[in-house]
Amino acid sequence: VQLVESGGGLVQPGGSLRLSCAASRLTFSNYRMTWYRQAPGKERELVALIPSAGGSTRYAASVKGRFTISRDNAKNTVSLQMNSLNPEDTAVYYCDANNIRGMDYWGKGTLVTVSS
């Protein structure tokens, strides 16, 4: 199983980025997909999740209204649209796949830096 995140980079405050996570060698539609992030010196935190069939998304309070998670089960991808970014959003963003059997897979992360 492989999860590969992309789309990170340097963006100015107020800007936008779109992260993507491409999954391979798993039945993607069976997995709940979650974005986490870890800022320097802080613990990893949940950012957003989307169930296996889509719908009923959840967001951290700090990103609600600014970030949108979506998935394309035909393309085995999950995305995170991030708007109105601020320096507190600076972190490594990780993609996680897990299913009801307890199988859990992580990507290696992509760095997002919000700075002027």
PDB file of N, CA and C in Angstrom:
ATOM      1  N   VAL A   1       0.861  -1.190   0.000  1.00  0.00           N
ATOM      2  CA  VAL A   1       0.000   0.000   0.000  1.00  0.00           C
ATOM      3  C   VAL A   1       0.900   1.244   0.000  1.00  0.00           C
ATOM      4  N   GLN A   2       0.478   2.220  -0.778  1.00  0.00           N
ATOM      5  CA  GLN A   2       1.263   3.449  -0.847  1.00  0.00           C
ATOM      6  C   GLN A   2       0.324   4.644  -0.862  1.00  0.00           C
ATOM      7  N   LEU A   3       0.632   5.617  -0.041  1.00  0.00           N
ATOM      8  CA  LEU A   3      -0.074   6.886  -0.041  1.00  0.00           C
ATOM      9  C   LEU A   3       0.963   7.968  -0.305  1.00  0.00           C
ATOM     10  N   VAL A   4       0.710   8.789  -1.303  1.00  0.00           N
ATOM     11  CA  VAL A   4       1.676   9.823  -1.676  1.00  0.00           C
ATOM     12  C   VAL A   4       0.972  11.172  -1.694  1.00  0.00           C
ATOM     13  N   GLU A   5       1.417  12.043  -0.797  1.00  0.00           N
ATOM     14  CA  GLU A   5       0.863  13.387  -0.731  1.00  0.00           C
ATOM     15  C   GLU A   5       1.621  14.313  -1.684  1.00  0.00           C
ATOM     16  N   SER A   6       0.911  15.316  -2.176  1.00  0.00           N
ATOM     17  CA  SER A   6       1.524  16.328  -3.024  1.00  0.00           C
ATOM     18  C   SER A   6       0.761  17.637  -2.869  1.00  0.00           C
ATOM     19  N   GLY A   7       1.377  18.711  -3.359  1.00  0.00           N
ATOM     20  CA  GLY A   7       0.697  19.992  -3.363  1.00  0.00           C
ATOM     21  C   GLY A   7       1.163  20.970  -2.308  1.00  0.00           C
ATOM     22  N   GLY A   8       2.042  20.532  -1.419  1.00  0.00           N
ATOM     23  CA  GLY A   8       2.545  21.444  -0.406  1.00  0.00           C
ATOM     24  C   GLY A   8       3.484  22.474  -0.991  1.00  0.00           C
ATOM     25  N   GLY A   9       3.832  23.451  -0.167  1.00  0.00           N
ATOM     26  CA  GLY A   9       4.745  24.483  -0.620  1.00  0.00           C
ATOM     27  C   GLY A   9       4.648  25.716   0.240  1.00  0.00           C
ATOM     28  N   LEU A  10       5.219  26.787  -0.258  1.00  0.00           N
ATOM     29  CA  LEU A  10       5.222  28.077   0.439  1.00  0.00           C
ATOM     30  C   LEU A  10       4.101  28.947  -0.106  1.00  0.00           C
ATOM     31  N   VAL A  11       3.319  29.509   0.777  1.00  0.00           N
ATOM     32  CA  VAL A  11       2.217  30.374   0.370  1.00  0.00           C
ATOM     33  C   VAL A  11       2.135  31.540   1.347  1.00  0.00           C
ATOM     34  N   GLN A  12       1.694  32.672   0.845  1.00  0.00           N
ATOM     35  CA  GLN A  12       1.546  33.841   1.692  1.00  0.00           C
ATOM     36  C   GLN A  12       0.273  33.757   2.516  1.00  0.00           C
ATOM     37  N   PRO A  13       0.252  34.416   3.658  1.00  0.00           N
ATOM     38  CA  PRO A  13      -0.985  34.464   4.450  1.00  0.00           C
ATOM     39  C   PRO A  13      -2.151  34.941   3.600  1.00  0.00           C
ATOM     40  N   GLY A  14      -3.275  34.294   3.775  1.00  0.00           N
ATOM     41  CA  GLY A  14      -4.451  34.601   2.980  1.00  0.00           C
ATOM     42  C   GLY A  14      -4.553  33.810   1.699  1.00  0.00           C
ATOM     43  N   GLY A  15      -3.501  33.099   1.355  1.00  0.00           N
ATOM     44  CA  GLY A  15      -3.478  32.336   0.123  1.00  0.00           C
ATOM     45  C   GLY A  15      -4.143  30.980   0.243  1.00  0.00           C
ATOM     46  N   SER A  16      -4.061  30.226  -0.845  1.00  0.00           N
ATOM     47  CA  SER A  16      -4.696  28.914  -0.920  1.00  0.00           C
ATOM     48  C   SER A  16      -3.719  27.874  -1.445  1.00  0.00           C
ATOM     49  N   LEU A  17      -3.954  26.655  -1.044  1.00  0.00           N
ATOM     50  CA  LEU A  17      -3.244  25.500  -1.572  1.00  0.00           C
ATOM     51  C   LEU A  17      -4.219  24.340  -1.652  1.00  0.00           C
ATOM     52  N   ARG A  18      -3.922  23.453  -2.555  1.00  0.00           N
ATOM     53  CA  ARG A  18      -4.720  22.222  -2.664  1.00  0.00           C
ATOM     54  C   ARG A  18      -3.775  21.040  -2.538  1.00  0.00           C
ATOM     55  N   LEU A  19      -3.984  20.258  -1.498  1.00  0.00           N
ATOM     56  CA  LEU A  19      -3.202  19.048  -1.292  1.00  0.00           C
ATOM     57  C   LEU A  19      -3.936  17.859  -1.899  1.00  0.00           C
ATOM     58  N   SER A  20      -3.161  16.926  -2.393  1.00  0.00           N
ATOM     59  CA  SER A  20      -3.720  15.687  -2.909  1.00  0.00           C
ATOM     60  C   SER A  20      -2.990  14.501  -2.309  1.00  0.00           C
ATOM     61  N   CYS A  21      -3.691  13.402  -2.210  1.00  0.00           N
ATOM     62  CA  CYS A  21      -3.107  12.151  -1.727  1.00  0.00           C
ATOM     63  C   CYS A  21      -3.546  11.059  -2.685  1.00  0.00           C
ATOM     64  N   ALA A  22      -2.589  10.443  -3.317  1.00  0.00           N
ATOM     65  CA  ALA A  22      -2.868   9.359  -4.249  1.00  0.00           C
ATOM     66  C   ALA A  22      -2.597   8.031  -3.565  1.00  0.00           C
ATOM     67  N   ALA A  23      -3.569   7.159  -3.591  1.00  0.00           N
ATOM     68  CA  ALA A  23      -3.452   5.858  -2.941  1.00  0.00           C
ATOM     69  C   ALA A  23      -3.329   4.756  -3.986  1.00  0.00           C
ATOM     70  N   SER A  24      -2.533   3.768  -3.659  1.00  0.00           N
ATOM     71  CA  SER A  24      -2.380   2.637  -4.569  1.00  0.00           C
ATOM     72  C   SER A  24      -2.280   1.342  -3.768  1.00  0.00           C
ATOM     73  N   ARG A  25      -2.631   0.264  -4.428  1.00  0.00           N
ATOM     74  CA  ARG A  25      -2.557  -1.094  -3.871  1.00  0.00           C
ATOM     75  C   ARG A  25      -3.444  -1.275  -2.643  1.00  0.00           C
ATOM     76  N   LEU A  26      -4.595  -0.634  -2.673  1.00  0.00           N
ATOM     77  CA  LEU A  26      -5.626  -0.890  -1.671  1.00  0.00           C
ATOM     78  C   LEU A  26      -6.976  -0.624  -2.310  1.00  0.00           C
ATOM     79  N   THR A  27      -8.017  -1.191  -1.717  1.00  0.00           N
ATOM     80  CA  THR A  27      -9.372  -0.931  -2.206  1.00  0.00           C
ATOM     81  C   THR A  27      -9.810   0.389  -1.595  1.00  0.00           C
ATOM     82  N   PHE A  28      -9.522   1.439  -2.309  1.00  0.00           N
ATOM     83  CA  PHE A  28      -9.636   2.795  -1.768  1.00  0.00           C
ATOM     84  C   PHE A  28     -11.028   3.080  -1.217  1.00  0.00           C
ATOM     85  N   SER A  29     -12.053   2.600  -1.901  1.00  0.00           N
ATOM     86  CA  SER A  29     -13.422   2.919  -1.502  1.00  0.00           C
ATOM     87  C   SER A  29     -13.804   2.282  -0.172  1.00  0.00           C
ATOM     88  N   ASN A  30     -12.984   1.392   0.354  1.00  0.00           N
ATOM     89  CA  ASN A  30     -13.250   0.769   1.651  1.00  0.00           C
ATOM     90  C   ASN A  30     -12.630   1.529   2.821  1.00  0.00           C
ATOM     91  N   TYR A  31     -11.910   2.586   2.510  1.00  0.00           N
ATOM     92  CA  TYR A  31     -11.129   3.269   3.533  1.00  0.00           C
ATOM     93  C   TYR A  31     -11.649   4.666   3.832  1.00  0.00           C
ATOM     94  N   ARG A  32     -11.736   4.947   5.108  1.00  0.00           N
ATOM     95  CA  ARG A  32     -11.926   6.321   5.543  1.00  0.00           C
ATOM     96  C   ARG A  32     -10.602   7.038   5.352  1.00  0.00           C
ATOM     97  N   MET A  33     -10.663   8.253   4.845  1.00  0.00           N
ATOM     98  CA  MET A  33      -9.451   9.023   4.587  1.00  0.00           C
ATOM     99  C   MET A  33      -9.422  10.239   5.504  1.00  0.00           C
ATOM    100  N   THR A  34      -8.256  10.469   6.046  1.00  0.00           N
ATOM    101  CA  THR A  34      -8.085  11.549   7.007  1.00  0.00           C
ATOM    102  C   THR A  34      -6.812  12.331   6.693  1.00  0.00           C
ATOM    103  N   TRP A  35      -6.907  13.635   6.813  1.00  0.00           N
ATOM    104  CA  TRP A  35      -5.720  14.488   6.765  1.00  0.00           C
ATOM    105  C   TRP A  35      -5.361  14.874   8.199  1.00  0.00           C
ATOM    106  N   TYR A  36      -4.093  14.712   8.515  1.00  0.00           N
ATOM    107  CA  TYR A  36      -3.539  15.162   9.775  1.00  0.00           C
ATOM    108  C   TYR A  36      -2.447  16.186   9.472  1.00  0.00           C
ATOM    109  N   ARG A  37      -2.052  16.891  10.492  1.00  0.00           N
ATOM    110  CA  ARG A  37      -0.907  17.773  10.343  1.00  0.00           C
ATOM    111  C   ARG A  37      -0.108  17.801  11.641  1.00  0.00           C
ATOM    112  N   GLN A  38       1.158  18.110  11.478  1.00  0.00           N
ATOM    113  CA  GLN A  38       2.030  18.243  12.639  1.00  0.00           C
ATOM    114  C   GLN A  38       2.911  19.459  12.444  1.00  0.00           C
ATOM    115  N   ALA A  39       2.713  20.426  13.312  1.00  0.00           N
ATOM    116  CA  ALA A  39       3.517  21.642  13.278  1.00  0.00           C
ATOM    117  C   ALA A  39       4.785  21.429  14.098  1.00  0.00           C
ATOM    118  N   PRO A  40       5.817  22.200  13.844  1.00  0.00           N
ATOM    119  CA  PRO A  40       7.062  22.069  14.603  1.00  0.00           C
ATOM    120  C   PRO A  40       6.823  22.174  16.101  1.00  0.00           C
ATOM    121  N   GLY A  41       7.301  21.189  16.841  1.00  0.00           N
ATOM    122  CA  GLY A  41       7.178  21.217  18.283  1.00  0.00           C
ATOM    123  C   GLY A  41       5.807  20.884  18.829  1.00  0.00           C
ATOM    124  N   LYS A  42       4.902  20.471  17.954  1.00  0.00           N
ATOM    125  CA  LYS A  42       3.540  20.162  18.394  1.00  0.00           C
ATOM    126  C   LYS A  42       3.173  18.733  18.040  1.00  0.00           C
ATOM    127  N   GLU A  43       2.116  18.245  18.676  1.00  0.00           N
ATOM    128  CA  GLU A  43       1.644  16.903  18.389  1.00  0.00           C
ATOM    129  C   GLU A  43       0.842  16.891  17.083  1.00  0.00           C
ATOM    130  N   ARG A  44       0.787  15.729  16.495  1.00  0.00           N
ATOM    131  CA  ARG A  44      -0.012  15.575  15.285  1.00  0.00           C
ATOM    132  C   ARG A  44      -1.479  15.762  15.629  1.00  0.00           C
ATOM    133  N   GLU A  45      -2.204  16.458  14.754  1.00  0.00           N
ATOM    134  CA  GLU A  45      -3.622  16.699  14.993  1.00  0.00           C
ATOM    135  C   GLU A  45      -4.441  16.383  13.752  1.00  0.00           C
ATOM    136  N   LEU A  46      -5.668  15.971  13.998  1.00  0.00           N
ATOM    137  CA  LEU A  46      -6.594  15.702  12.899  1.00  0.00           C
ATOM    138  C   LEU A  46      -7.034  17.013  12.284  1.00  0.00           C
ATOM    139  N   VAL A  47      -7.011  17.065  10.974  1.00  0.00           N
ATOM    140  CA  VAL A  47      -7.455  18.255  10.244  1.00  0.00           C
ATOM    141  C   VAL A  47      -8.846  18.038   9.660  1.00  0.00           C
ATOM    142  N   ALA A  48      -9.009  16.951   8.919  1.00  0.00           N
ATOM    143  CA  ALA A  48     -10.286  16.679   8.270  1.00  0.00           C
ATOM    144  C   ALA A  48     -10.366  15.202   7.920  1.00  0.00           C
ATOM    145  N   LEU A  49     -11.585  14.684   7.916  1.00  0.00           N
ATOM    146  CA  LEU A  49     -11.766  13.298   7.503  1.00  0.00           C
ATOM    147  C   LEU A  49     -13.010  13.168   6.653  1.00  0.00           C
ATOM    148  N   ILE A  50     -12.992  12.117   5.832  1.00  0.00           N
ATOM    149  CA  ILE A  50     -14.129  11.827   4.964  1.00  0.00           C
ATOM    150  C   ILE A  50     -14.342  10.322   4.967  1.00  0.00           C
ATOM    151  N   PRO A  51     -15.570   9.874   5.185  1.00  0.00           N
ATOM    152  CA  PRO A  51     -15.831   8.436   5.224  1.00  0.00           C
ATOM    153  C   PRO A  51     -15.573   7.762   3.879  1.00  0.00           C
ATOM    154  N   SER A  52     -15.613   6.457   3.897  1.00  0.00           N
ATOM    155  CA  SER A  52     -15.272   5.691   2.706  1.00  0.00           C
ATOM    156  C   SER A  52     -16.184   6.011   1.523  1.00  0.00           C
ATOM    157  N   ALA A  53     -17.465   6.240   1.790  1.00  0.00           N
ATOM    158  CA  ALA A  53     -18.412   6.524   0.712  1.00  0.00           C
ATOM    159  C   ALA A  53     -18.641   8.012   0.516  1.00  0.00           C
ATOM    160  N   GLY A  54     -17.821   8.837   1.160  1.00  0.00           N
ATOM    161  CA  GLY A  54     -18.019  10.276   1.068  1.00  0.00           C
ATOM    162  C   GLY A  54     -19.081  10.739   2.051  1.00  0.00           C
ATOM    163  N   GLY A  55     -19.436  12.002   2.004  1.00  0.00           N
ATOM    164  CA  GLY A  55     -20.444  12.548   2.902  1.00  0.00           C
ATOM    165  C   GLY A  55     -19.937  12.654   4.324  1.00  0.00           C
ATOM    166  N   SER A  56     -20.696  13.270   5.223  1.00  0.00           N
ATOM    167  CA  SER A  56     -20.416  13.351   6.656  1.00  0.00           C
ATOM    168  C   SER A  56     -18.965  13.664   6.970  1.00  0.00           C
ATOM    169  N   THR A  57     -18.435  14.683   6.354  1.00  0.00           N
ATOM    170  CA  THR A  57     -17.057  15.084   6.633  1.00  0.00           C
ATOM    171  C   THR A  57     -16.966  15.725   8.011  1.00  0.00           C
ATOM    172  N   ARG A  58     -15.760  15.700   8.569  1.00  0.00           N
ATOM    173  CA  ARG A  58     -15.493  16.335   9.853  1.00  0.00           C
ATOM    174  C   ARG A  58     -14.241  17.171   9.751  1.00  0.00           C
ATOM    175  N   TYR A  59     -14.222  18.251  10.508  1.00  0.00           N
ATOM    176  CA  TYR A  59     -13.087  19.164  10.466  1.00  0.00           C
ATOM    177  C   TYR A  59     -12.673  19.590  11.872  1.00  0.00           C
ATOM    178  N   ALA A  60     -11.409  19.875  11.998  1.00  0.00           N
ATOM    179  CA  ALA A  60     -10.953  20.518  13.218  1.00  0.00           C
ATOM    180  C   ALA A  60     -11.555  21.913  13.282  1.00  0.00           C
ATOM    181  N   ALA A  61     -11.834  22.361  14.486  1.00  0.00           N
ATOM    182  CA  ALA A  61     -12.457  23.681  14.652  1.00  0.00           C
ATOM    183  C   ALA A  61     -11.599  24.784  14.035  1.00  0.00           C
ATOM    184  N   SER A  62     -10.295  24.603  14.067  1.00  0.00           N
ATOM    185  CA  SER A  62      -9.386  25.641  13.587  1.00  0.00           C
ATOM    186  C   SER A  62      -9.402  25.808  12.073  1.00  0.00           C
ATOM    187  N   VAL A  63      -9.926  24.822  11.355  1.00  0.00           N
ATOM    188  CA  VAL A  63      -9.921  24.907   9.890  1.00  0.00           C
ATOM    189  C   VAL A  63     -11.319  24.929   9.295  1.00  0.00           C
ATOM    190  N   LYS A  64     -12.329  24.726  10.116  1.00  0.00           N
ATOM    191  CA  LYS A  64     -13.701  24.663   9.614  1.00  0.00           C
ATOM    192  C   LYS A  64     -14.062  25.965   8.922  1.00  0.00           C
ATOM    193  N   GLY A  65     -14.634  25.825   7.731  1.00  0.00           N
ATOM    194  CA  GLY A  65     -15.000  26.992   6.953  1.00  0.00           C
ATOM    195  C   GLY A  65     -13.898  27.472   6.024  1.00  0.00           C
ATOM    196  N   ARG A  66     -12.694  26.976   6.229  1.00  0.00           N
ATOM    197  CA  ARG A  66     -11.567  27.360   5.371  1.00  0.00           C
ATOM    198  C   ARG A  66     -11.049  26.194   4.538  1.00  0.00           C
ATOM    199  N   PHE A  67     -11.129  24.995   5.087  1.00  0.00           N
ATOM    200  CA  PHE A  67     -10.616  23.803   4.409  1.00  0.00           C
ATOM    201  C   PHE A  67     -11.793  22.936   3.954  1.00  0.00           C
ATOM    202  N   THR A  68     -11.587  22.243   2.847  1.00  0.00           N
ATOM    203  CA  THR A  68     -12.595  21.312   2.338  1.00  0.00           C
ATOM    204  C   THR A  68     -11.916  20.021   1.906  1.00  0.00           C
ATOM    205  N   ILE A  69     -12.390  18.921   2.457  1.00  0.00           N
ATOM    206  CA  ILE A  69     -11.869  17.615   2.076  1.00  0.00           C
ATOM    207  C   ILE A  69     -12.820  16.988   1.068  1.00  0.00           C
ATOM    208  N   SER A  70     -12.260  16.294   0.095  1.00  0.00           N
ATOM    209  CA  SER A  70     -13.065  15.607  -0.901  1.00  0.00           C
ATOM    210  C   SER A  70     -12.309  14.372  -1.363  1.00  0.00           C
ATOM    211  N   ARG A  71     -13.034  13.469  -1.981  1.00  0.00           N
ATOM    212  CA  ARG A  71     -12.409  12.252  -2.475  1.00  0.00           C
ATOM    213  C   ARG A  71     -12.977  11.865  -3.820  1.00  0.00           C
ATOM    214  N   ASP A  72     -12.182  11.140  -4.582  1.00  0.00           N
ATOM    215  CA  ASP A  72     -12.608  10.611  -5.869  1.00  0.00           C
ATOM    216  C   ASP A  72     -12.274   9.125  -5.837  1.00  0.00           C
ATOM    217  N   ASN A  73     -13.252   8.307  -5.566  1.00  0.00           N
ATOM    218  CA  ASN A  73     -13.000   6.871  -5.439  1.00  0.00           C
ATOM    219  C   ASN A  73     -12.626   6.226  -6.770  1.00  0.00           C
ATOM    220  N   ALA A  74     -12.983   6.855  -7.859  1.00  0.00           N
ATOM    221  CA  ALA A  74     -12.608   6.325  -9.166  1.00  0.00           C
ATOM    222  C   ALA A  74     -11.125   6.542  -9.456  1.00  0.00           C
ATOM    223  N   LYS A  75     -10.575   7.602  -8.872  1.00  0.00           N
ATOM    224  CA  LYS A  75      -9.166   7.926  -9.102  1.00  0.00           C
ATOM    225  C   LYS A  75      -8.285   7.599  -7.903  1.00  0.00           C
ATOM    226  N   ASN A  76      -8.886   7.060  -6.846  1.00  0.00           N
ATOM    227  CA  ASN A  76      -8.130   6.716  -5.644  1.00  0.00           C
ATOM    228  C   ASN A  76      -7.382   7.914  -5.070  1.00  0.00           C
ATOM    229  N   THR A  77      -8.068   9.030  -5.006  1.00  0.00           N
ATOM    230  CA  THR A  77      -7.429  10.230  -4.478  1.00  0.00           C
ATOM    231  C   THR A  77      -8.330  10.920  -3.451  1.00  0.00           C
ATOM    232  N   VAL A  78      -7.670  11.573  -2.537  1.00  0.00           N
ATOM    233  CA  VAL A  78      -8.353  12.449  -1.591  1.00  0.00           C
ATOM    234  C   VAL A  78      -7.626  13.790  -1.628  1.00  0.00           C
ATOM    235  N   SER A  79      -8.404  14.850  -1.544  1.00  0.00           N
ATOM    236  CA  SER A  79      -7.836  16.190  -1.650  1.00  0.00           C
ATOM    237  C   SER A  79      -8.218  17.028  -0.443  1.00  0.00           C
ATOM    238  N   LEU A  80      -7.429  18.050  -0.224  1.00  0.00           N
ATOM    239  CA  LEU A  80      -7.722  19.011   0.834  1.00  0.00           C
ATOM    240  C   LEU A  80      -7.511  20.407   0.259  1.00  0.00           C
ATOM    241  N   GLN A  81      -8.606  21.096   0.031  1.00  0.00           N
ATOM    242  CA  GLN A  81      -8.546  22.473  -0.440  1.00  0.00           C
ATOM    243  C   GLN A  81      -8.419  23.375   0.774  1.00  0.00           C
ATOM    244  N   MET A  82      -7.363  24.172   0.797  1.00  0.00           N
ATOM    245  CA  MET A  82      -7.083  25.015   1.950  1.00  0.00           C
ATOM    246  C   MET A  82      -7.105  26.479   1.513  1.00  0.00           C
ATOM    247  N   ASN A  83      -8.026  27.227   2.075  1.00  0.00           N
ATOM    248  CA  ASN A  83      -8.167  28.647   1.759  1.00  0.00           C
ATOM    249  C   ASN A  83      -7.883  29.493   3.001  1.00  0.00           C
ATOM    250  N   SER A  84      -7.661  30.763   2.760  1.00  0.00           N
ATOM    251  CA  SER A  84      -7.428  31.714   3.856  1.00  0.00           C
ATOM    252  C   SER A  84      -6.370  31.200   4.823  1.00  0.00           C
ATOM    253  N   LEU A  85      -5.291  30.748   4.275  1.00  0.00           N
ATOM    254  CA  LEU A  85      -4.232  30.168   5.105  1.00  0.00           C
ATOM    255  C   LEU A  85      -3.580  31.230   5.978  1.00  0.00           C
ATOM    256  N   ASN A  86      -3.186  30.812   7.153  1.00  0.00           N
ATOM    257  CA  ASN A  86      -2.475  31.693   8.070  1.00  0.00           C
ATOM    258  C   ASN A  86      -1.244  30.965   8.600  1.00  0.00           C
ATOM    259  N   PRO A  87      -0.324  31.691   9.219  1.00  0.00           N
ATOM    260  CA  PRO A  87       0.934  31.054   9.660  1.00  0.00           C
ATOM    261  C   PRO A  87       0.722  29.861  10.592  1.00  0.00           C
ATOM    262  N   GLU A  88      -0.388  29.855  11.314  1.00  0.00           N
ATOM    263  CA  GLU A  88      -0.658  28.736  12.218  1.00  0.00           C
ATOM    264  C   GLU A  88      -0.981  27.447  11.466  1.00  0.00           C
ATOM    265  N   ASP A  89      -1.207  27.543  10.186  1.00  0.00           N
ATOM    266  CA  ASP A  89      -1.450  26.352   9.368  1.00  0.00           C
ATOM    267  C   ASP A  89      -0.145  25.710   8.890  1.00  0.00           C
ATOM    268  N   THR A  90       0.966  26.331   9.177  1.00  0.00           N
ATOM    269  CA  THR A  90       2.254  25.772   8.791  1.00  0.00           C
ATOM    270  C   THR A  90       2.488  24.441   9.490  1.00  0.00           C
ATOM    271  N   ALA A  91       2.715  23.410   8.707  1.00  0.00           N
ATOM    272  CA  ALA A  91       2.876  22.058   9.262  1.00  0.00           C
ATOM    273  C   ALA A  91       3.212  21.089   8.145  1.00  0.00           C
ATOM    274  N   VAL A  92       3.589  19.897   8.546  1.00  0.00           N
ATOM    275  CA  VAL A  92       3.634  18.791   7.595  1.00  0.00           C
ATOM    276  C   VAL A  92       2.259  18.143   7.609  1.00  0.00           C
ATOM    277  N   TYR A  93       1.682  17.971   6.448  1.00  0.00           N
ATOM    278  CA  TYR A  93       0.349  17.406   6.304  1.00  0.00           C
ATOM    279  C   TYR A  93       0.467  15.959   5.836  1.00  0.00           C
ATOM    280  N   TYR A  94      -0.244  15.087   6.550  1.00  0.00           N
ATOM    281  CA  TYR A  94      -0.184  13.660   6.280  1.00  0.00           C
ATOM    282  C   TYR A  94      -1.557  13.131   5.872  1.00  0.00           C
ATOM    283  N   CYS A  95      -1.519  12.166   5.005  1.00  0.00           N
ATOM    284  CA  CYS A  95      -2.716  11.471   4.553  1.00  0.00           C
ATOM    285  C   CYS A  95      -2.757  10.111   5.253  1.00  0.00           C
ATOM    286  N   ASP A  96      -3.926   9.734   5.737  1.00  0.00           N
ATOM    287  CA  ASP A  96      -4.100   8.469   6.445  1.00  0.00           C
ATOM    288  C   ASP A  96      -5.306   7.730   5.884  1.00  0.00           C
ATOM    289  N   ALA A  97      -5.142   6.433   5.703  1.00  0.00           N
ATOM    290  CA  ALA A  97      -6.237   5.581   5.266  1.00  0.00           C
ATOM    291  C   ALA A  97      -6.479   4.513   6.316  1.00  0.00           C
ATOM    292  N   ASN A  98      -7.702   4.353   6.735  1.00  0.00           N
ATOM    293  CA  ASN A  98      -7.999   3.271   7.672  1.00  0.00           C
ATOM    294  C   ASN A  98      -9.370   2.687   7.378  1.00  0.00           C
ATOM    295  N   ASN A  99      -9.526   1.401   7.754  1.00  0.00           N
ATOM    296  CA  ASN A  99     -10.802   0.736   7.499  1.00  0.00           C
ATOM    297  C   ASN A  99     -11.322   0.071   8.774  1.00  0.00           C
ATOM    298  N   ILE A 100     -12.493  -0.543   8.658  1.00  0.00           N
ATOM    299  CA  ILE A 100     -13.160  -1.102   9.829  1.00  0.00           C
ATOM    300  C   ILE A 100     -12.440  -2.328  10.376  1.00  0.00           C
ATOM    301  N   ARG A 101     -11.491  -2.875   9.613  1.00  0.00           N
ATOM    302  CA  ARG A 101     -10.721  -4.018  10.091  1.00  0.00           C
ATOM    303  C   ARG A 101      -9.487  -3.584  10.858  1.00  0.00           C
ATOM    304  N   GLY A 102      -9.305  -2.276  10.979  1.00  0.00           N
ATOM    305  CA  GLY A 102      -8.145  -1.778  11.705  1.00  0.00           C
ATOM    306  C   GLY A 102      -6.903  -1.604  10.866  1.00  0.00           C
ATOM    307  N   MET A 103      -7.012  -1.802   9.562  1.00  0.00           N
ATOM    308  CA  MET A 103      -5.869  -1.548   8.689  1.00  0.00           C
ATOM    309  C   MET A 103      -5.659  -0.036   8.620  1.00  0.00           C
ATOM    310  N   ASP A 104      -4.420   0.369   8.755  1.00  0.00           N
ATOM    311  CA  ASP A 104      -4.128   1.795   8.833  1.00  0.00           C
ATOM    312  C   ASP A 104      -2.829   2.088   8.100  1.00  0.00           C
ATOM    313  N   TYR A 105      -2.887   3.035   7.168  1.00  0.00           N
ATOM    314  CA  TYR A 105      -1.724   3.370   6.349  1.00  0.00           C
ATOM    315  C   TYR A 105      -1.522   4.877   6.321  1.00  0.00           C
ATOM    316  N   TRP A 106      -0.236   5.259   6.285  1.00  0.00           N
ATOM    317  CA  TRP A 106       0.111   6.678   6.302  1.00  0.00           C
ATOM    318  C   TRP A 106       1.016   7.023   5.127  1.00  0.00           C
ATOM    319  N   GLY A 107       0.871   8.246   4.647  1.00  0.00           N
ATOM    320  CA  GLY A 107       1.821   8.779   3.697  1.00  0.00           C
ATOM    321  C   GLY A 107       2.991   9.400   4.437  1.00  0.00           C
ATOM    322  N   LYS A 108       3.964   9.889   3.669  1.00  0.00           N
ATOM    323  CA  LYS A 108       5.164  10.472   4.267  1.00  0.00           C
ATOM    324  C   LYS A 108       5.028  11.959   4.548  1.00  0.00           C
ATOM    325  N   GLY A 109       3.966  12.550   4.057  1.00  0.00           N
ATOM    326  CA  GLY A 109       3.704  13.943   4.367  1.00  0.00           C
ATOM    327  C   GLY A 109       4.181  14.920   3.316  1.00  0.00           C
ATOM    328  N   THR A 110       3.566  16.094   3.344  1.00  0.00           N
ATOM    329  CA  THR A 110       3.966  17.196   2.477  1.00  0.00           C
ATOM    330  C   THR A 110       3.971  18.471   3.318  1.00  0.00           C
ATOM    331  N   LEU A 111       5.003  19.272   3.137  1.00  0.00           N
ATOM    332  CA  LEU A 111       5.190  20.455   3.973  1.00  0.00           C
ATOM    333  C   LEU A 111       4.429  21.650   3.414  1.00  0.00           C
ATOM    334  N   VAL A 112       3.669  22.281   4.287  1.00  0.00           N
ATOM    335  CA  VAL A 112       2.985  23.528   3.958  1.00  0.00           C
ATOM    336  C   VAL A 112       3.567  24.623   4.842  1.00  0.00           C
ATOM    337  N   THR A 113       4.052  25.670   4.214  1.00  0.00           N
ATOM    338  CA  THR A 113       4.610  26.795   4.947  1.00  0.00           C
ATOM    339  C   THR A 113       3.851  28.055   4.564  1.00  0.00           C
ATOM    340  N   VAL A 114       3.273  28.703   5.558  1.00  0.00           N
ATOM    341  CA  VAL A 114       2.529  29.932   5.328  1.00  0.00           C
ATOM    342  C   VAL A 114       3.334  31.083   5.928  1.00  0.00           C
ATOM    343  N   SER A 115       3.856  31.907   5.049  1.00  0.00           N
ATOM    344  CA  SER A 115       4.742  32.970   5.496  1.00  0.00           C
ATOM    345  C   SER A 115       4.808  34.064   4.451  1.00  0.00           C
ATOM    346  N   SER A 116       4.993  35.280   4.921  1.00  0.00           N
ATOM    347  CA  SER A 116       5.187  36.401   4.004  1.00  0.00           C
ATOM    348  C   SER A 116       6.679  36.641   3.754  1.00  0.00           C
TER     349      SER A 116
END
